[in-house]
Amino acid sequence: QVQLVESGGGLVQPGGSLRLSCVVSGLILDDSVIGWFRQAPGKEREGVACISSRGGAKYYTDYVTGRFTIFRDIAKNTVYLQMNNLKPEDTAVYYCAHWGRYTTTYCPVTQASEYDYWGQGTQVTVSS
């Protein structure tokens, strides 16, 4: 059974940093495409970042480029989202998700509907 479990959310001041973790089980992480998404109250779920199979490609949406970094630790079956210089508009529930295709050169960073397994989410609040 495929499971994804996020952690690492919390309350942080503007300009601060957080590292989110997504522990995956029931699949081979190195073969998997994993994405991070977020959803703020009253808004649609939006893409943040994704990493392809073998870690060959990484994509970010414009509003996080240069501030967020996605990376993996295969030994720990974990995908991370390092978030720096956080802004109040980054406040949301953050989810990791699995895309059911193997590709080393691409991942769908914005197409949430194409992902098949999702974690339960972790709350990130950026406020002074």
C-alpha atoms as a PDB file:
ATOM      1  CA  GLN A   1       0.000   0.000   0.000  1.00  0.00           C
ATOM      2  CA  VAL A   2       1.377   3.379  -1.030  1.00  0.00           C
ATOM      3  CA  GLN A   3       1.582   5.940   1.744  1.00  0.00           C
ATOM      4  CA  LEU A   4       2.986   9.436   1.931  1.00  0.00           C
ATOM      5  CA  VAL A   5       3.330  11.189   5.283  1.00  0.00           C
ATOM      6  CA  GLU A   6       4.270  14.857   5.573  1.00  0.00           C
ATOM      7  CA  SER A   7       5.764  16.572   8.590  1.00  0.00           C
ATOM      8  CA  GLY A   8       7.755  19.665   9.467  1.00  0.00           C
ATOM      9  CA  GLY A   9       5.107  22.349   9.254  1.00  0.00           C
ATOM     10  CA  GLY A  10       4.618  25.014  11.862  1.00  0.00           C
ATOM     11  CA  LEU A  11       4.510  28.705  12.638  1.00  0.00           C
ATOM     12  CA  VAL A  12       7.371  30.835  11.373  1.00  0.00           C
ATOM     13  CA  GLN A  13       8.009  34.562  11.054  1.00  0.00           C
ATOM     14  CA  PRO A  14       8.343  36.218   7.642  1.00  0.00           C
ATOM     15  CA  GLY A  15      11.836  35.704   6.314  1.00  0.00           C
ATOM     16  CA  GLY A  16      12.234  32.471   8.244  1.00  0.00           C
ATOM     17  CA  SER A  17      12.787  28.912   7.050  1.00  0.00           C
ATOM     18  CA  LEU A  18      11.175  25.520   7.383  1.00  0.00           C
ATOM     19  CA  ARG A  19      12.004  22.091   6.007  1.00  0.00           C
ATOM     20  CA  LEU A  20       9.109  19.809   5.174  1.00  0.00           C
ATOM     21  CA  SER A  21       9.529  16.059   4.924  1.00  0.00           C
ATOM     22  CA  CYS A  22       7.536  13.517   2.954  1.00  0.00           C
ATOM     23  CA  VAL A  23       8.213   9.925   3.958  1.00  0.00           C
ATOM     24  CA  VAL A  24       7.021   7.468   1.333  1.00  0.00           C
ATOM     25  CA  SER A  25       6.320   3.743   1.622  1.00  0.00           C
ATOM     26  CA  GLY A  26       4.940   1.062  -0.640  1.00  0.00           C
ATOM     27  CA  LEU A  27       6.892   2.282  -3.667  1.00  0.00           C
ATOM     28  CA  ILE A  28      10.448   2.650  -4.915  1.00  0.00           C
ATOM     29  CA  LEU A  29      11.306   6.276  -4.294  1.00  0.00           C
ATOM     30  CA  ASP A  30      14.147   6.377  -6.812  1.00  0.00           C
ATOM     31  CA  ASP A  31      11.709   5.390  -9.571  1.00  0.00           C
ATOM     32  CA  SER A  32       9.018   7.791  -8.414  1.00  0.00           C
ATOM     33  CA  VAL A  33       7.980  11.288  -9.360  1.00  0.00           C
ATOM     34  CA  ILE A  34       7.010  13.274  -6.275  1.00  0.00           C
ATOM     35  CA  GLY A  35       5.406  16.680  -6.149  1.00  0.00           C
ATOM     36  CA  TRP A  36       4.720  19.245  -3.458  1.00  0.00           C
ATOM     37  CA  PHE A  37       1.470  21.196  -3.544  1.00  0.00           C
ATOM     38  CA  ARG A  38      -0.237  23.641  -1.231  1.00  0.00           C
ATOM     39  CA  GLN A  39      -3.715  24.882  -0.524  1.00  0.00           C
ATOM     40  CA  ALA A  40      -4.596  28.068   1.295  1.00  0.00           C
ATOM     41  CA  PRO A  41      -8.069  28.670   2.781  1.00  0.00           C
ATOM     42  CA  GLY A  42     -10.557  29.554   0.081  1.00  0.00           C
ATOM     43  CA  LYS A  43      -8.085  28.867  -2.713  1.00  0.00           C
ATOM     44  CA  GLU A  44      -7.482  26.026  -5.106  1.00  0.00           C
ATOM     45  CA  ARG A  45      -4.632  23.603  -4.601  1.00  0.00           C
ATOM     46  CA  GLU A  46      -1.539  24.812  -6.436  1.00  0.00           C
ATOM     47  CA  GLY A  47       1.750  23.276  -7.385  1.00  0.00           C
ATOM     48  CA  VAL A  48       4.987  24.208  -5.660  1.00  0.00           C
ATOM     49  CA  ALA A  49       7.758  21.870  -6.810  1.00  0.00           C
ATOM     50  CA  CYS A  50       8.363  18.393  -8.145  1.00  0.00           C
ATOM     51  CA  ILE A  51      11.235  15.988  -8.669  1.00  0.00           C
ATOM     52  CA  SER A  52      11.428  13.355 -11.369  1.00  0.00           C
ATOM     53  CA  SER A  53      12.482   9.732 -11.230  1.00  0.00           C
ATOM     54  CA  ARG A  54      16.182   9.332 -10.393  1.00  0.00           C
ATOM     55  CA  GLY A  55      16.127  12.969  -9.300  1.00  0.00           C
ATOM     56  CA  GLY A  56      17.018  13.923 -12.840  1.00  0.00           C
ATOM     57  CA  ALA A  57      14.773  16.947 -13.107  1.00  0.00           C
ATOM     58  CA  LYS A  58      13.317  19.447 -10.706  1.00  0.00           C
ATOM     59  CA  TYR A  59      10.661  22.034 -11.436  1.00  0.00           C
ATOM     60  CA  TYR A  60       9.408  24.961  -9.405  1.00  0.00           C
ATOM     61  CA  THR A  61       6.543  27.343  -9.837  1.00  0.00           C
ATOM     62  CA  ASP A  62       7.406  31.002 -10.276  1.00  0.00           C
ATOM     63  CA  TYR A  63       6.294  32.123  -6.838  1.00  0.00           C
ATOM     64  CA  VAL A  64       8.788  29.844  -5.051  1.00  0.00           C
ATOM     65  CA  THR A  65      11.717  29.796  -7.477  1.00  0.00           C
ATOM     66  CA  GLY A  66      14.875  30.861  -5.713  1.00  0.00           C
ATOM     67  CA  ARG A  67      13.362  30.373  -2.257  1.00  0.00           C
ATOM     68  CA  PHE A  68      12.322  26.703  -2.143  1.00  0.00           C
ATOM     69  CA  THR A  69      14.388  23.612  -2.912  1.00  0.00           C
ATOM     70  CA  ILE A  70      13.180  20.044  -3.411  1.00  0.00           C
ATOM     71  CA  PHE A  71      15.551  17.158  -2.789  1.00  0.00           C
ATOM     72  CA  ARG A  72      15.539  13.502  -1.774  1.00  0.00           C
ATOM     73  CA  ASP A  73      17.249  11.072   0.584  1.00  0.00           C
ATOM     74  CA  ILE A  74      16.761   7.640  -0.971  1.00  0.00           C
ATOM     75  CA  ALA A  75      18.125   5.835   2.085  1.00  0.00           C
ATOM     76  CA  LYS A  76      15.431   7.465   4.200  1.00  0.00           C
ATOM     77  CA  ASN A  77      12.660   7.152   1.590  1.00  0.00           C
ATOM     78  CA  THR A  78      12.090  10.853   2.084  1.00  0.00           C
ATOM     79  CA  VAL A  79      11.526  13.849  -0.157  1.00  0.00           C
ATOM     80  CA  TYR A  80      12.181  17.255   1.380  1.00  0.00           C
ATOM     81  CA  LEU A  81      11.031  20.767   0.641  1.00  0.00           C
ATOM     82  CA  GLN A  82      13.424  23.357   2.026  1.00  0.00           C
ATOM     83  CA  MET A  83      11.609  26.680   2.266  1.00  0.00           C
ATOM     84  CA  ASN A  84      13.620  29.859   2.834  1.00  0.00           C
ATOM     85  CA  ASN A  85      12.645  33.514   2.995  1.00  0.00           C
ATOM     86  CA  LEU A  86       9.069  32.577   3.760  1.00  0.00           C
ATOM     87  CA  LYS A  87       6.327  35.102   3.129  1.00  0.00           C
ATOM     88  CA  PRO A  88       2.820  35.402   4.597  1.00  0.00           C
ATOM     89  CA  GLU A  89       1.411  34.349   1.231  1.00  0.00           C
ATOM     90  CA  ASP A  90       3.173  30.985   1.635  1.00  0.00           C
ATOM     91  CA  THR A  91       0.714  30.154   4.420  1.00  0.00           C
ATOM     92  CA  ALA A  92      -1.130  26.978   3.430  1.00  0.00           C
ATOM     93  CA  VAL A  93      -1.480  23.272   4.014  1.00  0.00           C
ATOM     94  CA  TYR A  94       1.349  21.579   2.142  1.00  0.00           C
ATOM     95  CA  TYR A  95       0.905  18.173   0.558  1.00  0.00           C
ATOM     96  CA  CYS A  96       3.238  15.746  -1.147  1.00  0.00           C
ATOM     97  CA  ALA A  97       1.934  13.495  -3.873  1.00  0.00           C
ATOM     98  CA  HIS A  98       3.005  10.675  -6.182  1.00  0.00           C
ATOM     99  CA  TRP A  99       2.725  10.732  -9.976  1.00  0.00           C
ATOM    100  CA  GLY A 100       2.232   7.283 -11.436  1.00  0.00           C
ATOM    101  CA  ARG A 101       4.733   7.458 -14.303  1.00  0.00           C
ATOM    102  CA  TYR A 102       8.457   6.887 -14.671  1.00  0.00           C
ATOM    103  CA  THR A 103      10.383   9.744 -16.245  1.00  0.00           C
ATOM    104  CA  THR A 104      13.812  11.167 -15.495  1.00  0.00           C
ATOM    105  CA  THR A 105      13.405  14.387 -17.450  1.00  0.00           C
ATOM    106  CA  TYR A 106      10.044  15.799 -16.466  1.00  0.00           C
ATOM    107  CA  CYS A 107       7.485  16.163 -13.708  1.00  0.00           C
ATOM    108  CA  PRO A 108       4.110  17.946 -13.789  1.00  0.00           C
ATOM    109  CA  VAL A 109       4.611  20.712 -11.270  1.00  0.00           C
ATOM    110  CA  THR A 110       1.160  22.286 -11.623  1.00  0.00           C
ATOM    111  CA  GLN A 111      -1.137  19.430 -12.648  1.00  0.00           C
ATOM    112  CA  ALA A 112      -2.438  18.206  -9.310  1.00  0.00           C
ATOM    113  CA  SER A 113      -5.111  16.099 -10.993  1.00  0.00           C
ATOM    114  CA  GLU A 114      -2.439  13.860 -12.521  1.00  0.00           C
ATOM    115  CA  TYR A 115      -1.109  12.719  -9.139  1.00  0.00           C
ATOM    116  CA  ASP A 116      -2.583   9.515  -7.746  1.00  0.00           C
ATOM    117  CA  TYR A 117      -1.479   9.240  -4.105  1.00  0.00           C
ATOM    118  CA  TRP A 118      -1.486  12.055  -1.571  1.00  0.00           C
ATOM    119  CA  GLY A 119      -0.369  12.632   1.972  1.00  0.00           C
ATOM    120  CA  GLN A 120      -2.567  14.139   4.659  1.00  0.00           C
ATOM    121  CA  GLY A 121      -0.844  17.529   4.604  1.00  0.00           C
ATOM    122  CA  THR A 122       1.084  19.673   7.048  1.00  0.00           C
ATOM    123  CA  GLN A 123       0.164  23.238   8.015  1.00  0.00           C
ATOM    124  CA  VAL A 124       2.613  26.065   7.367  1.00  0.00           C
ATOM    125  CA  THR A 125       1.785  29.459   8.827  1.00  0.00           C
ATOM    126  CA  VAL A 126       3.948  32.487   8.123  1.00  0.00           C
ATOM    127  CA  SER A 127       3.080  35.334  10.443  1.00  0.00           C
ATOM    128  CA  SER A 128       4.669  37.859  12.747  1.00  0.00           C
END
